[in-house]
Protein backbone atom coordinates (compact mmCIF):
# COMPACT_ATOMS: atom_id res chain seq x y z
CA MET A 1 -21.15 -1.40 -13.61
CA ALA A 2 -17.53 -0.91 -14.58
CA THR A 3 -15.69 -3.90 -15.97
CA PRO A 4 -11.91 -4.10 -16.13
CA TYR A 5 -10.69 -2.29 -19.24
CA PHE A 6 -8.49 -5.00 -20.70
CA THR A 7 -11.23 -7.63 -20.48
CA LYS A 8 -12.80 -5.77 -23.39
CA PHE A 9 -9.85 -6.49 -25.69
CA PRO A 10 -10.04 -9.34 -28.20
CA GLN A 11 -7.76 -12.34 -27.78
CA ILE A 12 -5.32 -13.61 -30.40
CA THR A 13 -3.06 -16.62 -30.66
CA TYR A 14 0.63 -15.90 -30.29
CA ASN A 15 3.59 -18.17 -30.84
CA ILE A 16 6.11 -17.37 -28.14
CA ASP A 17 9.23 -19.08 -29.46
CA GLY A 18 8.51 -20.04 -33.08
CA THR A 19 8.11 -23.71 -32.23
CA PRO A 20 5.27 -25.26 -34.25
CA ASN A 21 2.04 -25.67 -32.29
CA ASN A 22 3.36 -23.66 -29.33
CA ASN A 23 0.62 -21.04 -29.50
CA VAL A 24 -0.92 -19.36 -26.49
CA LEU A 25 -4.02 -17.22 -26.24
CA VAL A 26 -3.16 -13.62 -25.27
CA LEU A 27 -4.91 -10.26 -25.15
CA ASN A 28 -4.37 -8.17 -28.26
CA ILE A 29 -3.14 -5.06 -26.44
CA ILE A 30 -2.25 -3.44 -29.75
CA HIS A 31 -5.97 -3.27 -30.52
CA ASN A 32 -7.17 -0.07 -28.90
CA ALA A 33 -9.67 2.71 -29.04
CA ARG A 34 -9.42 6.50 -29.13
CA PHE A 35 -11.95 9.26 -28.72
CA ILE A 36 -13.28 10.57 -32.00
CA LYS A 37 -11.47 13.86 -32.70
CA LYS A 38 -14.68 15.87 -33.07
CA LEU A 39 -15.71 14.82 -29.55
CA PHE A 40 -12.67 16.62 -28.13
CA SER A 41 -14.10 19.95 -29.24
CA ASN A 42 -17.48 19.30 -27.60
CA LEU A 43 -17.36 21.47 -24.50
CA LEU A 44 -20.50 19.82 -23.11
CA ILE A 45 -18.79 16.45 -22.68
CA PHE A 46 -15.52 17.57 -21.07
CA TYR A 47 -14.49 19.93 -18.35
CA PRO A 48 -11.01 20.99 -17.22
CA TYR A 49 -9.35 19.49 -14.16
CA HIS A 50 -6.04 20.10 -12.38
CA VAL A 51 -4.42 16.87 -11.16
CA LYS A 52 -3.52 17.17 -7.50
CA GLU A 53 -0.32 15.84 -5.92
CA GLY A 54 -0.47 12.06 -5.63
CA GLU A 55 -3.61 11.60 -7.75
CA THR A 56 -3.65 8.78 -10.26
CA PRO A 57 -6.19 8.06 -13.00
CA GLU A 58 -7.65 5.38 -10.71
CA ILE A 59 -8.12 7.84 -7.83
CA ILE A 60 -9.75 10.42 -10.09
CA ALA A 61 -12.00 7.77 -11.69
CA SER A 62 -13.04 6.48 -8.29
CA LYS A 63 -13.93 9.97 -7.06
CA LEU A 64 -15.70 11.09 -10.22
CA TYR A 65 -17.17 7.91 -11.71
CA GLY A 66 -17.54 5.77 -8.59
CA SER A 67 -14.99 3.11 -9.57
CA PRO A 68 -11.24 3.00 -10.19
CA LEU A 69 -12.00 0.64 -13.07
CA TYR A 70 -12.93 3.73 -15.11
CA PHE A 71 -9.28 4.89 -15.11
CA TRP A 72 -9.29 4.29 -18.85
CA VAL A 73 -11.90 7.05 -19.37
CA VAL A 74 -9.51 9.54 -17.74
CA CYS A 75 -6.62 8.26 -19.86
CA LEU A 76 -8.44 8.11 -23.19
CA ALA A 77 -9.93 11.57 -22.72
CA ASN A 78 -6.40 12.93 -22.43
CA ASN A 79 -4.60 10.76 -25.01
CA ILE A 80 -2.62 9.08 -22.25
CA TYR A 81 -1.37 5.74 -23.49
CA ASN A 82 1.76 5.43 -21.34
CA ILE A 83 1.09 6.22 -17.69
CA TRP A 84 4.84 6.33 -16.97
CA THR A 85 5.59 9.11 -19.44
CA ASP A 86 2.27 10.88 -20.05
CA TRP A 87 0.93 11.28 -16.49
CA PRO A 88 2.30 14.07 -14.23
CA LEU A 89 4.98 13.05 -11.77
CA SER A 90 4.72 13.64 -8.04
CA TYR A 91 7.16 16.13 -6.55
CA GLU A 92 9.35 13.29 -5.25
CA ALA A 93 9.26 11.44 -8.59
CA LEU A 94 10.18 14.64 -10.47
CA GLN A 95 13.13 15.19 -8.12
CA ALA A 96 14.21 11.56 -8.66
CA TRP A 97 13.93 12.05 -12.44
CA LEU A 98 16.16 15.13 -12.27
CA ILE A 99 18.73 13.24 -10.20
CA LYS A 100 18.66 10.26 -12.58
CA ASN A 101 19.05 12.43 -15.67
CA TYR A 102 21.37 15.16 -14.38
CA GLY A 103 23.15 13.60 -11.40
CA SER A 104 21.59 15.99 -8.89
CA VAL A 105 18.90 18.63 -8.62
CA ALA A 106 21.63 21.26 -8.20
CA ILE A 107 23.17 20.31 -11.54
CA ALA A 108 19.73 20.44 -13.22
CA GLN A 109 19.28 23.93 -11.76
CA THR A 110 22.45 25.12 -13.50
CA THR A 111 22.15 23.17 -16.77
CA VAL A 112 20.81 25.31 -19.60
CA ASP A 113 17.93 23.62 -21.40
CA HIS A 114 17.29 26.43 -23.87
CA TYR A 115 16.92 30.18 -24.29
CA GLN A 116 13.68 32.11 -24.80
CA ASP A 117 12.86 35.52 -26.18
CA GLN A 118 10.48 37.86 -24.38
CA TYR A 119 7.51 36.07 -26.01
CA GLY A 120 8.55 32.58 -24.91
CA ALA A 121 9.83 31.41 -28.29
CA THR A 122 12.99 29.29 -28.27
CA ILE A 123 16.04 31.13 -29.55
CA ASP A 124 19.71 30.26 -30.05
CA TYR A 125 22.54 31.41 -27.79
CA GLN A 126 23.68 34.28 -30.01
CA THR A 127 20.14 35.65 -30.31
CA TYR A 128 19.85 35.34 -26.54
CA LEU A 129 23.04 37.40 -26.04
CA ASN A 130 21.75 40.07 -28.41
CA ASN A 131 18.37 40.26 -26.62
CA ILE A 132 19.14 40.06 -22.91
CA ASP A 133 18.09 43.69 -22.51
CA ASN A 134 14.84 42.94 -24.39
CA GLY A 135 13.69 40.20 -22.00
CA ALA A 136 15.44 37.10 -23.34
CA THR A 137 15.90 34.50 -20.61
CA VAL A 138 17.66 31.24 -19.82
CA VAL A 139 15.49 28.21 -19.10
CA TYR A 140 17.28 25.71 -16.91
CA ALA A 141 16.70 21.96 -17.03
CA ASP A 142 14.85 21.80 -13.70
CA GLN A 143 12.54 24.64 -14.75
CA GLN A 144 11.82 23.00 -18.10
CA ALA A 145 11.04 19.66 -16.42
CA TYR A 146 8.79 21.46 -13.93
CA ASN A 147 6.98 23.34 -16.73
CA ILE A 148 6.39 20.14 -18.72
CA ASN A 149 5.14 18.33 -15.61
CA GLU A 150 2.81 21.22 -14.72
CA GLY A 151 1.38 21.12 -18.25
CA LYS A 152 0.55 17.44 -17.77
CA LYS A 153 -1.49 18.33 -14.68
CA LEU A 154 -4.05 20.21 -16.76
CA ILE A 155 -6.36 17.50 -18.05
CA ARG A 156 -9.97 17.22 -19.09
CA LEU A 157 -12.52 14.90 -17.63
CA VAL A 158 -15.60 13.42 -19.21
CA ASP A 159 -18.85 14.47 -17.59
CA PRO A 160 -20.01 11.43 -15.57
CA LYS A 161 -23.38 11.36 -17.34
CA TYR A 162 -21.61 10.29 -20.57
CA VAL A 163 -19.47 7.48 -19.14
CA THR A 164 -22.02 4.68 -19.58
CA GLN A 165 -22.56 5.69 -23.20
CA ILE A 166 -18.78 5.77 -23.81
CA GLU A 167 -18.39 2.35 -22.16
CA ASN A 168 -21.14 0.90 -24.37
CA GLU A 169 -19.55 2.34 -27.49
CA LEU A 170 -16.14 0.99 -26.43
CA ASP A 171 -17.71 -2.45 -26.05
CA GLN A 172 -18.98 -2.23 -29.63
CA ILE A 173 -15.51 -1.28 -30.86
CA LEU A 174 -13.44 -3.78 -28.89
CA LEU A 175 -15.61 -6.81 -28.18
CA PRO A 176 -16.16 -9.27 -30.99
CA SER A 177 -19.67 -9.52 -32.35
CA THR A 178 -21.75 -12.38 -30.96
CA SER A 179 -23.99 -12.59 -34.00
């Protein structure tokens, strides 16, 4: 049975304002866990997945693992520690991001982000001018943002048969010993 992720974190005392004896008990959110690097290369544990429009880690966890409380498995398996910057944006959110950062989508569509040679390597403007006939291209800000967002949609998921084992191992890492 899935338990809320942050209930597994140890608690620490924290002094909010520096006043003596004004300590409160808080979760130590700095204490965290990561997948062991060698596990990432184990093709038997993970399989690729393409995040669909509007899906969140909670939705994926609910569909795959039977509970949204396993969102952390989706996140940890993909080194996602900040859902606001590491998770793919919806179409509407990406448009809003372009407007916030460029003033409008139209401006983002005409703002040069960088230049690429025919192999996709970033090049400077002069090299671009010298290689237009050889396939050098302009990458505009909206296209770059779209490409980055699309890359975030390709994630890997843990095979459901390993989730209980991962949860037990996480408990051993995060929960204080009772002995």
